[in-house]
Amino acid sequence: MKRRTFIQQSGAASLFLGLGGLSLQSFQNKDTKHITILHTNDVHSHIEPFPATDRRNANRGGFSRRATIVNSIRKENPNTLLLDAGDIFQGTPYFNFYGGEIEFKLMSLLKYDAATIGNHDFDNSIEGLYKQLPHAKFDFLSANYDFKNTVMDTHVKPYKVFVKDSIRIGVFGIGIELDGLVDKRMYKETKYLDPVTVAQDMSRILKDEEHCDLVICLSHLGYNYKRNPDKISDLKLASLTKGIDLIIGGHTHTFLKKPTIAKNSVGKNVLVNQVGWGGINLGRIDFYFDKAGKESTGTNIIV
């Protein structure tokens, strides 16, 4: 069976474990370029693994365990990006004592490439977030938060383009509406812009002007809201836009076994993924580029 046929029949979003004892590399040729996207969301200051006494997640998670997995994957494929979809802060005493310094320092040591901003990242106020920025050796991306007239102005980019093995990867950030979710005093003059309009504009810029081969949205909108179908979510954003290849989500703490395949506004596939919360899982999406186009596989790894 040809590699393309196998991936299409497997839904284009299942873990490619190999066929007949052959590894994934056995299906690649020298003209195929391989990009790996690793991602987290809603880690919520979980620096250490969950305690052994935890009923649901005993000994799971933690930066050290994640670092071991990430470094192993990077050795396997140097063309790897590590991204986070927000809510880095709040959840353990590490945040209460250090205000986010530990989280940003460890993410920097782990060489995260970019992150977006979640609602809990304002829990020490926008000034508290700004104070910790020197500890972050990676970029914060948010296209629909207008930080003009705040201390965060000029410190957050709408998007960033990464180049791996000549493949151009455009990544942009989208945040949830803060009004009614976060005390106004915490985010000050930050303005929320319509995520659908902004996301469509970002994908157009990244595809048409930046000539990106792959467009990724780092979203903190939430995976889906069945009780409130009109509320914007990752699945809704996928259906209302075009040009986005992958939406990496957060906020709703949704554990997915593998990425969801959604349809965009013109009927093309969009991968939507989220890995729960607390650093328990690590998302992995692999893209393969050749003359015929691109293909993808994905899984969520237990840390």
C-alpha atoms as a PDB file:
ATOM      1  CA  MET A   1       0.000   0.000   0.000  1.00  0.00           C
ATOM      2  CA  LYS A   2       1.351   3.424  -0.902  1.00  0.00           C
ATOM      3  CA  ARG A   3       2.069   5.825   1.959  1.00  0.00           C
ATOM      4  CA  ARG A   4      -0.411   8.420   0.597  1.00  0.00           C
ATOM      5  CA  THR A   5      -3.207   5.835   0.368  1.00  0.00           C
ATOM      6  CA  PHE A   6      -2.527   4.521   3.862  1.00  0.00           C
ATOM      7  CA  ILE A   7      -2.655   7.960   5.453  1.00  0.00           C
ATOM      8  CA  GLN A   8      -5.843   8.926   3.612  1.00  0.00           C
ATOM      9  CA  GLN A   9      -7.564   5.705   4.662  1.00  0.00           C
ATOM     10  CA  SER A  10      -6.478   6.172   8.256  1.00  0.00           C
ATOM     11  CA  GLY A  11      -8.215   9.562   8.370  1.00  0.00           C
ATOM     12  CA  ALA A  12      -5.031  11.645   8.032  1.00  0.00           C
ATOM     13  CA  ALA A  13      -4.906  12.168  11.777  1.00  0.00           C
ATOM     14  CA  SER A  14      -3.991   8.892  13.457  1.00  0.00           C
ATOM     15  CA  LEU A  15      -0.667   7.801  14.850  1.00  0.00           C
ATOM     16  CA  PHE A  16       1.442   6.225  12.104  1.00  0.00           C
ATOM     17  CA  LEU A  17       3.047   3.369  14.001  1.00  0.00           C
ATOM     18  CA  GLY A  18       4.461   1.614  10.954  1.00  0.00           C
ATOM     19  CA  LEU A  19       3.180  -1.169   8.782  1.00  0.00           C
ATOM     20  CA  GLY A  20       4.500  -4.710   8.687  1.00  0.00           C
ATOM     21  CA  GLY A  21       7.400  -3.872  11.007  1.00  0.00           C
ATOM     22  CA  LEU A  22       8.555  -0.946   8.868  1.00  0.00           C
ATOM     23  CA  SER A  23       9.206   2.442  10.460  1.00  0.00           C
ATOM     24  CA  LEU A  24       7.706   5.688   9.220  1.00  0.00           C
ATOM     25  CA  GLN A  25      10.998   6.609   7.541  1.00  0.00           C
ATOM     26  CA  SER A  26      10.605   3.530   5.325  1.00  0.00           C
ATOM     27  CA  PHE A  27       7.746   5.297   3.538  1.00  0.00           C
ATOM     28  CA  GLN A  28       9.665   8.524   2.918  1.00  0.00           C
ATOM     29  CA  ASN A  29      11.807   9.315  -0.062  1.00  0.00           C
ATOM     30  CA  LYS A  30      14.627  11.787  -0.314  1.00  0.00           C
ATOM     31  CA  ASP A  31      12.306  14.426  -1.791  1.00  0.00           C
ATOM     32  CA  THR A  32       9.910  14.329   1.179  1.00  0.00           C
ATOM     33  CA  LYS A  33      10.307  17.022   3.848  1.00  0.00           C
ATOM     34  CA  HIS A  34       9.167  16.226   7.365  1.00  0.00           C
ATOM     35  CA  ILE A  35       7.987  18.880   9.848  1.00  0.00           C
ATOM     36  CA  THR A  36       6.993  17.985  13.420  1.00  0.00           C
ATOM     37  CA  ILE A  37       4.760  20.236  15.523  1.00  0.00           C
ATOM     38  CA  LEU A  38       4.745  19.596  19.292  1.00  0.00           C
ATOM     39  CA  HIS A  39       2.348  21.492  21.525  1.00  0.00           C
ATOM     40  CA  THR A  40       0.915  22.033  24.996  1.00  0.00           C
ATOM     41  CA  ASN A  41      -1.976  24.049  26.429  1.00  0.00           C
ATOM     42  CA  ASP A  42      -3.335  24.998  29.849  1.00  0.00           C
ATOM     43  CA  VAL A  43      -0.281  23.728  31.712  1.00  0.00           C
ATOM     44  CA  HIS A  44      -1.375  25.950  34.633  1.00  0.00           C
ATOM     45  CA  SER A  45       1.946  26.149  36.475  1.00  0.00           C
ATOM     46  CA  HIS A  46       2.290  22.364  36.843  1.00  0.00           C
ATOM     47  CA  ILE A  47       6.063  22.274  37.140  1.00  0.00           C
ATOM     48  CA  GLU A  48       6.286  18.839  38.773  1.00  0.00           C
ATOM     49  CA  PRO A  49       4.411  15.627  37.943  1.00  0.00           C
ATOM     50  CA  PHE A  50       1.075  15.035  39.636  1.00  0.00           C
ATOM     51  CA  PRO A  51       1.626  13.342  43.021  1.00  0.00           C
ATOM     52  CA  ALA A  52       1.521   9.573  43.314  1.00  0.00           C
ATOM     53  CA  THR A  53      -1.635   9.946  45.421  1.00  0.00           C
ATOM     54  CA  ASP A  54      -3.577  11.702  42.659  1.00  0.00           C
ATOM     55  CA  ARG A  55      -6.577   9.560  41.735  1.00  0.00           C
ATOM     56  CA  ARG A  56      -6.586  10.326  38.018  1.00  0.00           C
ATOM     57  CA  ASN A  57      -3.123  11.488  36.971  1.00  0.00           C
ATOM     58  CA  ALA A  58      -0.672   9.912  39.414  1.00  0.00           C
ATOM     59  CA  ASN A  59       2.970  10.608  38.447  1.00  0.00           C
ATOM     60  CA  ARG A  60       1.985  12.096  35.089  1.00  0.00           C
ATOM     61  CA  GLY A  61       3.168  15.375  33.577  1.00  0.00           C
ATOM     62  CA  GLY A  62       5.928  17.682  34.746  1.00  0.00           C
ATOM     63  CA  PHE A  63       8.535  19.681  32.842  1.00  0.00           C
ATOM     64  CA  SER A  64      11.273  17.099  33.302  1.00  0.00           C
ATOM     65  CA  ARG A  65       9.278  14.274  31.739  1.00  0.00           C
ATOM     66  CA  ARG A  66       8.122  16.548  28.920  1.00  0.00           C
ATOM     67  CA  ALA A  67      11.717  17.637  28.265  1.00  0.00           C
ATOM     68  CA  THR A  68      12.820  14.014  27.884  1.00  0.00           C
ATOM     69  CA  ILE A  69      10.123  13.365  25.268  1.00  0.00           C
ATOM     70  CA  VAL A  70      10.667  16.646  23.413  1.00  0.00           C
ATOM     71  CA  ASN A  71      14.436  16.200  23.241  1.00  0.00           C
ATOM     72  CA  SER A  72      14.014  12.644  21.966  1.00  0.00           C
ATOM     73  CA  ILE A  73      11.677  13.803  19.199  1.00  0.00           C
ATOM     74  CA  ARG A  74      14.025  16.629  18.248  1.00  0.00           C
ATOM     75  CA  LYS A  75      16.835  14.131  17.827  1.00  0.00           C
ATOM     76  CA  GLU A  76      14.550  12.079  15.589  1.00  0.00           C
ATOM     77  CA  ASN A  77      13.570  15.166  13.581  1.00  0.00           C
ATOM     78  CA  PRO A  78      15.498  18.458  13.960  1.00  0.00           C
ATOM     79  CA  ASN A  79      12.760  20.213  11.960  1.00  0.00           C
ATOM     80  CA  THR A  80      10.498  20.487  14.997  1.00  0.00           C
ATOM     81  CA  LEU A  81       8.527  23.383  16.508  1.00  0.00           C
ATOM     82  CA  LEU A  82       7.303  23.478  20.126  1.00  0.00           C
ATOM     83  CA  LEU A  83       4.251  25.683  20.740  1.00  0.00           C
ATOM     84  CA  ASP A  84       1.859  26.527  23.594  1.00  0.00           C
ATOM     85  CA  ALA A  85      -1.796  27.625  23.391  1.00  0.00           C
ATOM     86  CA  GLY A  86      -2.023  29.662  26.599  1.00  0.00           C
ATOM     87  CA  ASP A  87      -2.951  29.530  30.286  1.00  0.00           C
ATOM     88  CA  ILE A  88       0.658  29.001  31.251  1.00  0.00           C
ATOM     89  CA  PHE A  89      -0.052  30.605  34.644  1.00  0.00           C
ATOM     90  CA  GLN A  90      -2.167  29.745  37.700  1.00  0.00           C
ATOM     91  CA  GLY A  91      -2.795  26.375  39.311  1.00  0.00           C
ATOM     92  CA  THR A  92       0.019  25.590  41.769  1.00  0.00           C
ATOM     93  CA  PRO A  93       1.955  27.456  44.482  1.00  0.00           C
ATOM     94  CA  TYR A  94       4.807  27.958  42.013  1.00  0.00           C
ATOM     95  CA  PHE A  95       2.732  30.687  40.402  1.00  0.00           C
ATOM     96  CA  ASN A  96       1.559  32.142  43.699  1.00  0.00           C
ATOM     97  CA  PHE A  97       5.149  32.482  44.954  1.00  0.00           C
ATOM     98  CA  TYR A  98       7.039  33.345  41.757  1.00  0.00           C
ATOM     99  CA  GLY A  99       4.396  34.987  39.589  1.00  0.00           C
ATOM    100  CA  GLY A 100       5.250  33.085  36.399  1.00  0.00           C
ATOM    101  CA  GLU A 101       9.033  33.400  36.486  1.00  0.00           C
ATOM    102  CA  ILE A 102       9.592  29.652  36.890  1.00  0.00           C
ATOM    103  CA  GLU A 103       7.167  28.781  34.093  1.00  0.00           C
ATOM    104  CA  PHE A 104       8.827  31.122  31.571  1.00  0.00           C
ATOM    105  CA  LYS A 105      12.346  30.093  32.558  1.00  0.00           C
ATOM    106  CA  LEU A 106      11.563  26.397  32.144  1.00  0.00           C
ATOM    107  CA  MET A 107       9.772  26.947  28.840  1.00  0.00           C
ATOM    108  CA  SER A 108      12.839  28.863  27.661  1.00  0.00           C
ATOM    109  CA  LEU A 109      15.142  26.021  28.717  1.00  0.00           C
ATOM    110  CA  LEU A 110      12.899  23.630  26.818  1.00  0.00           C
ATOM    111  CA  LYS A 111      13.246  25.978  23.814  1.00  0.00           C
ATOM    112  CA  TYR A 112       9.609  26.699  23.130  1.00  0.00           C
ATOM    113  CA  ASP A 113       9.304  28.545  19.830  1.00  0.00           C
ATOM    114  CA  ALA A 114       6.114  30.519  20.529  1.00  0.00           C
ATOM    115  CA  ALA A 115       3.033  30.761  22.752  1.00  0.00           C
ATOM    116  CA  THR A 116      -0.260  32.585  22.757  1.00  0.00           C
ATOM    117  CA  ILE A 117      -1.903  34.261  25.747  1.00  0.00           C
ATOM    118  CA  GLY A 118      -4.712  32.687  27.771  1.00  0.00           C
ATOM    119  CA  ASN A 119      -7.148  34.366  30.155  1.00  0.00           C
ATOM    120  CA  HIS A 120      -5.325  33.073  33.256  1.00  0.00           C
ATOM    121  CA  ASP A 121      -2.107  34.653  32.045  1.00  0.00           C
ATOM    122  CA  PHE A 122      -3.665  37.942  33.251  1.00  0.00           C
ATOM    123  CA  ASP A 123      -4.190  36.614  36.794  1.00  0.00           C
ATOM    124  CA  ASN A 124      -1.367  38.765  38.159  1.00  0.00           C
ATOM    125  CA  SER A 125      -2.637  41.617  35.963  1.00  0.00           C
ATOM    126  CA  ILE A 126      -1.230  42.734  32.649  1.00  0.00           C
ATOM    127  CA  GLU A 127       1.617  44.372  34.566  1.00  0.00           C
ATOM    128  CA  GLY A 128       2.412  41.018  36.186  1.00  0.00           C
ATOM    129  CA  LEU A 129       2.552  39.365  32.773  1.00  0.00           C
ATOM    130  CA  TYR A 130       4.769  42.124  31.433  1.00  0.00           C
ATOM    131  CA  LYS A 131       7.104  41.811  34.431  1.00  0.00           C
ATOM    132  CA  GLN A 132       7.853  38.169  33.559  1.00  0.00           C
ATOM    133  CA  LEU A 133       8.568  38.739  29.853  1.00  0.00           C
ATOM    134  CA  PRO A 134      12.372  39.019  30.314  1.00  0.00           C
ATOM    135  CA  HIS A 135      12.341  35.369  31.442  1.00  0.00           C
ATOM    136  CA  ALA A 136      10.664  34.213  28.194  1.00  0.00           C
ATOM    137  CA  LYS A 137      13.155  33.504  25.408  1.00  0.00           C
ATOM    138  CA  PHE A 138      10.338  32.819  22.956  1.00  0.00           C
ATOM    139  CA  ASP A 139       7.716  34.969  21.227  1.00  0.00           C
ATOM    140  CA  PHE A 140       4.164  35.625  22.353  1.00  0.00           C
ATOM    141  CA  LEU A 141       1.694  35.705  19.473  1.00  0.00           C
ATOM    142  CA  SER A 142      -1.761  37.281  19.605  1.00  0.00           C
ATOM    143  CA  ALA A 143      -3.474  38.796  16.582  1.00  0.00           C
ATOM    144  CA  ASN A 144      -6.856  39.693  18.105  1.00  0.00           C
ATOM    145  CA  TYR A 145      -5.715  41.344  21.347  1.00  0.00           C
ATOM    146  CA  ASP A 146      -4.963  45.011  20.713  1.00  0.00           C
ATOM    147  CA  PHE A 147      -2.481  45.975  23.434  1.00  0.00           C
ATOM    148  CA  LYS A 148      -2.191  49.619  22.422  1.00  0.00           C
ATOM    149  CA  ASN A 149      -2.132  51.911  25.506  1.00  0.00           C
ATOM    150  CA  THR A 150      -0.973  49.020  27.723  1.00  0.00           C
ATOM    151  CA  VAL A 151       2.460  47.914  28.929  1.00  0.00           C
ATOM    152  CA  MET A 152       2.281  44.942  26.551  1.00  0.00           C
ATOM    153  CA  ASP A 153       2.172  47.151  23.473  1.00  0.00           C
ATOM    154  CA  THR A 154       4.936  46.154  20.991  1.00  0.00           C
ATOM    155  CA  HIS A 155       5.802  43.085  23.114  1.00  0.00           C
ATOM    156  CA  VAL A 156       3.362  40.732  21.395  1.00  0.00           C
ATOM    157  CA  LYS A 157       3.450  39.843  17.698  1.00  0.00           C
ATOM    158  CA  PRO A 158       0.361  38.930  15.649  1.00  0.00           C
ATOM    159  CA  TYR A 159       2.274  36.161  13.883  1.00  0.00           C
ATOM    160  CA  LYS A 160       5.703  34.728  13.209  1.00  0.00           C
ATOM    161  CA  VAL A 161       7.134  32.791  10.272  1.00  0.00           C
ATOM    162  CA  PHE A 162       9.504  29.906  10.948  1.00  0.00           C
ATOM    163  CA  VAL A 163      11.562  28.208   8.243  1.00  0.00           C
ATOM    164  CA  LYS A 164      12.433  24.531   8.654  1.00  0.00           C
ATOM    165  CA  ASP A 165      14.153  22.658   5.817  1.00  0.00           C
ATOM    166  CA  SER A 166      12.982  25.444   3.443  1.00  0.00           C
ATOM    167  CA  ILE A 167       9.346  24.904   4.527  1.00  0.00           C
ATOM    168  CA  ARG A 168       7.752  28.207   5.596  1.00  0.00           C
ATOM    169  CA  ILE A 169       5.523  27.802   8.667  1.00  0.00           C
ATOM    170  CA  GLY A 170       3.302  30.705   9.674  1.00  0.00           C
ATOM    171  CA  VAL A 171       1.992  30.742  13.246  1.00  0.00           C
ATOM    172  CA  PHE A 172      -0.504  33.276  14.641  1.00  0.00           C
ATOM    173  CA  GLY A 173      -2.340  33.606  17.944  1.00  0.00           C
ATOM    174  CA  ILE A 174      -6.042  34.066  18.775  1.00  0.00           C
ATOM    175  CA  GLY A 175      -7.362  34.757  22.288  1.00  0.00           C
ATOM    176  CA  ILE A 176     -10.728  34.411  24.004  1.00  0.00           C
ATOM    177  CA  GLU A 177     -12.902  37.405  24.872  1.00  0.00           C
ATOM    178  CA  LEU A 178     -11.744  38.665  28.267  1.00  0.00           C
ATOM    179  CA  ASP A 179     -14.820  40.721  29.173  1.00  0.00           C
ATOM    180  CA  GLY A 180     -16.873  38.757  31.688  1.00  0.00           C
ATOM    181  CA  LEU A 181     -14.098  36.198  32.118  1.00  0.00           C
ATOM    182  CA  VAL A 182     -11.307  38.359  33.553  1.00  0.00           C
ATOM    183  CA  ASP A 183     -11.608  41.370  35.838  1.00  0.00           C
ATOM    184  CA  LYS A 184     -11.263  44.507  33.717  1.00  0.00           C
ATOM    185  CA  ARG A 185      -8.626  45.780  36.143  1.00  0.00           C
ATOM    186  CA  MET A 186      -6.415  42.841  35.201  1.00  0.00           C
ATOM    187  CA  TYR A 187      -6.266  43.450  31.441  1.00  0.00           C
ATOM    188  CA  LYS A 188      -6.744  47.257  31.462  1.00  0.00           C
ATOM    189  CA  GLU A 189      -7.127  48.764  27.964  1.00  0.00           C
ATOM    190  CA  THR A 190      -6.604  45.507  26.058  1.00  0.00           C
ATOM    191  CA  LYS A 191      -9.145  45.357  23.214  1.00  0.00           C
ATOM    192  CA  TYR A 192     -10.659  42.138  21.895  1.00  0.00           C
ATOM    193  CA  LEU A 193     -10.988  41.946  18.111  1.00  0.00           C
ATOM    194  CA  ASP A 194     -13.309  39.563  16.270  1.00  0.00           C
ATOM    195  CA  PRO A 195     -11.377  36.267  16.025  1.00  0.00           C
ATOM    196  CA  VAL A 196     -12.975  35.109  12.759  1.00  0.00           C
ATOM    197  CA  THR A 197     -12.168  38.319  10.903  1.00  0.00           C
ATOM    198  CA  VAL A 198      -8.656  38.442  12.327  1.00  0.00           C
ATOM    199  CA  ALA A 199      -7.940  34.739  11.719  1.00  0.00           C
ATOM    200  CA  GLN A 200      -9.057  35.025   8.104  1.00  0.00           C
ATOM    201  CA  ASP A 201      -6.844  38.076   7.632  1.00  0.00           C
ATOM    202  CA  MET A 202      -3.884  36.316   9.243  1.00  0.00           C
ATOM    203  CA  SER A 203      -4.238  33.222   7.071  1.00  0.00           C
ATOM    204  CA  ARG A 204      -4.463  35.425   3.961  1.00  0.00           C
ATOM    205  CA  ILE A 205      -1.311  37.326   4.938  1.00  0.00           C
ATOM    206  CA  LEU A 206       0.580  34.143   5.750  1.00  0.00           C
ATOM    207  CA  LYS A 207      -0.496  32.330   2.582  1.00  0.00           C
ATOM    208  CA  ASP A 208      -0.450  35.152   0.038  1.00  0.00           C
ATOM    209  CA  GLU A 209       2.103  37.635   1.345  1.00  0.00           C
ATOM    210  CA  GLU A 210       4.451  35.501   3.454  1.00  0.00           C
ATOM    211  CA  HIS A 211       4.134  32.511   1.070  1.00  0.00           C
ATOM    212  CA  CYS A 212       3.811  30.010   3.908  1.00  0.00           C
ATOM    213  CA  ASP A 213       3.495  26.314   3.137  1.00  0.00           C
ATOM    214  CA  LEU A 214       1.833  25.642   6.488  1.00  0.00           C
ATOM    215  CA  VAL A 215      -0.440  27.931   8.543  1.00  0.00           C
ATOM    216  CA  ILE A 216      -1.002  27.237  12.253  1.00  0.00           C
ATOM    217  CA  CYS A 217      -3.410  29.018  14.587  1.00  0.00           C
ATOM    218  CA  LEU A 218      -2.555  28.987  18.291  1.00  0.00           C
ATOM    219  CA  SER A 219      -5.996  29.416  19.815  1.00  0.00           C
ATOM    220  CA  HIS A 220      -7.278  29.936  23.336  1.00  0.00           C
ATOM    221  CA  LEU A 221     -10.938  30.035  22.264  1.00  0.00           C
ATOM    222  CA  GLY A 222     -11.929  26.560  23.452  1.00  0.00           C
ATOM    223  CA  TYR A 223     -12.525  23.383  21.462  1.00  0.00           C
ATOM    224  CA  ASN A 224     -16.343  23.393  21.232  1.00  0.00           C
ATOM    225  CA  TYR A 225     -19.426  24.615  23.144  1.00  0.00           C
ATOM    226  CA  LYS A 226     -22.313  22.185  22.587  1.00  0.00           C
ATOM    227  CA  ARG A 227     -24.626  24.068  24.960  1.00  0.00           C
ATOM    228  CA  ASN A 228     -23.851  27.367  23.268  1.00  0.00           C
ATOM    229  CA  PRO A 229     -23.305  26.577  19.570  1.00  0.00           C
ATOM    230  CA  ASP A 230     -23.137  30.263  18.612  1.00  0.00           C
ATOM    231  CA  LYS A 231     -20.107  30.858  20.828  1.00  0.00           C
ATOM    232  CA  ILE A 232     -16.866  31.004  18.878  1.00  0.00           C
ATOM    233  CA  SER A 233     -14.699  27.922  19.343  1.00  0.00           C
ATOM    234  CA  ASP A 234     -11.902  26.150  17.500  1.00  0.00           C
ATOM    235  CA  LEU A 235     -14.320  23.982  15.525  1.00  0.00           C
ATOM    236  CA  LYS A 236     -16.440  26.997  14.631  1.00  0.00           C
ATOM    237  CA  LEU A 237     -13.357  29.029  13.685  1.00  0.00           C
ATOM    238  CA  ALA A 238     -12.232  26.209  11.402  1.00  0.00           C
ATOM    239  CA  SER A 239     -15.614  26.116   9.653  1.00  0.00           C
ATOM    240  CA  LEU A 240     -15.782  29.880   9.095  1.00  0.00           C
ATOM    241  CA  THR A 241     -12.292  30.455   7.692  1.00  0.00           C
ATOM    242  CA  LYS A 242      -9.990  29.154   5.002  1.00  0.00           C
ATOM    243  CA  GLY A 243      -6.231  28.832   4.668  1.00  0.00           C
ATOM    244  CA  ILE A 244      -5.555  27.430   8.148  1.00  0.00           C
ATOM    245  CA  ASP A 245      -3.989  23.950   8.197  1.00  0.00           C
ATOM    246  CA  LEU A 246      -3.862  23.330  11.956  1.00  0.00           C
ATOM    247  CA  ILE A 247      -5.605  24.859  14.970  1.00  0.00           C
ATOM    248  CA  ILE A 248      -3.847  24.144  18.264  1.00  0.00           C
ATOM    249  CA  GLY A 249      -6.352  24.906  20.991  1.00  0.00           C
ATOM    250  CA  GLY A 250      -6.719  25.513  24.694  1.00  0.00           C
ATOM    251  CA  HIS A 251      -9.077  26.862  27.388  1.00  0.00           C
ATOM    252  CA  THR A 252     -11.661  24.051  27.572  1.00  0.00           C
ATOM    253  CA  HIS A 253      -9.171  21.437  28.881  1.00  0.00           C
ATOM    254  CA  THR A 254     -10.370  19.016  26.217  1.00  0.00           C
ATOM    255  CA  PHE A 255      -8.525  15.701  26.069  1.00  0.00           C
ATOM    256  CA  LEU A 256      -8.439  14.386  22.506  1.00  0.00           C
ATOM    257  CA  LYS A 257      -6.924  11.008  21.638  1.00  0.00           C
ATOM    258  CA  LYS A 258      -6.010  12.380  18.222  1.00  0.00           C
ATOM    259  CA  PRO A 259      -6.648  15.552  16.238  1.00  0.00           C
ATOM    260  CA  THR A 260     -10.119  16.225  14.897  1.00  0.00           C
ATOM    261  CA  ILE A 261     -10.490  16.646  11.146  1.00  0.00           C
ATOM    262  CA  ALA A 262     -12.814  19.596  10.495  1.00  0.00           C
ATOM    263  CA  LYS A 263     -13.899  21.191   7.218  1.00  0.00           C
ATOM    264  CA  ASN A 264     -13.157  24.834   6.485  1.00  0.00           C
ATOM    265  CA  SER A 265     -15.390  27.298   4.631  1.00  0.00           C
ATOM    266  CA  VAL A 266     -14.364  25.883   1.241  1.00  0.00           C
ATOM    267  CA  GLY A 267     -14.563  22.222   2.220  1.00  0.00           C
ATOM    268  CA  LYS A 268     -10.876  21.581   2.859  1.00  0.00           C
ATOM    269  CA  ASN A 269      -9.535  19.692   5.890  1.00  0.00           C
ATOM    270  CA  VAL A 270      -8.331  21.510   8.990  1.00  0.00           C
ATOM    271  CA  LEU A 271      -6.730  19.632  11.876  1.00  0.00           C
ATOM    272  CA  VAL A 272      -7.923  20.766  15.320  1.00  0.00           C
ATOM    273  CA  ASN A 273      -6.115  19.494  18.394  1.00  0.00           C
ATOM    274  CA  GLN A 274      -5.992  20.026  22.165  1.00  0.00           C
ATOM    275  CA  VAL A 275      -4.223  18.061  24.903  1.00  0.00           C
ATOM    276  CA  GLY A 276      -6.299  18.661  28.026  1.00  0.00           C
ATOM    277  CA  TRP A 277      -4.528  20.504  30.815  1.00  0.00           C
ATOM    278  CA  GLY A 278      -1.761  20.331  33.426  1.00  0.00           C
ATOM    279  CA  GLY A 279       0.960  19.142  31.050  1.00  0.00           C
ATOM    280  CA  ILE A 280      -0.426  15.608  31.223  1.00  0.00           C
ATOM    281  CA  ASN A 281      -0.228  15.122  27.457  1.00  0.00           C
ATOM    282  CA  LEU A 282       1.950  16.435  24.639  1.00  0.00           C
ATOM    283  CA  GLY A 283       0.474  16.935  21.193  1.00  0.00           C
ATOM    284  CA  ARG A 284       2.371  15.800  18.109  1.00  0.00           C
ATOM    285  CA  ILE A 285       1.472  16.517  14.492  1.00  0.00           C
ATOM    286  CA  ASP A 286       3.749  15.447  11.633  1.00  0.00           C
ATOM    287  CA  PHE A 287       3.497  17.044   8.204  1.00  0.00           C
ATOM    288  CA  TYR A 288       5.094  15.562   5.093  1.00  0.00           C
ATOM    289  CA  PHE A 289       5.731  17.721   2.044  1.00  0.00           C
ATOM    290  CA  ASP A 290       6.538  16.436  -1.424  1.00  0.00           C
ATOM    291  CA  LYS A 291       5.847  17.472  -5.010  1.00  0.00           C
ATOM    292  CA  ALA A 292       2.298  16.184  -4.735  1.00  0.00           C
ATOM    293  CA  GLY A 293       1.466  18.394  -1.732  1.00  0.00           C
ATOM    294  CA  LYS A 294       1.319  17.765   2.020  1.00  0.00           C
ATOM    295  CA  GLU A 295       0.003  15.030   4.280  1.00  0.00           C
ATOM    296  CA  SER A 296      -0.293  14.811   8.047  1.00  0.00           C
ATOM    297  CA  THR A 297      -0.468  12.385  10.940  1.00  0.00           C
ATOM    298  CA  GLY A 298      -1.086  13.177  14.593  1.00  0.00           C
ATOM    299  CA  THR A 299      -1.339  11.790  18.103  1.00  0.00           C
ATOM    300  CA  ASN A 300      -1.399  12.964  21.700  1.00  0.00           C
ATOM    301  CA  ILE A 301       1.382  11.532  23.823  1.00  0.00           C
ATOM    302  CA  ILE A 302       0.945  10.712  27.524  1.00  0.00           C
ATOM    303  CA  VAL A 303       3.705  12.452  29.473  1.00  0.00           C
END
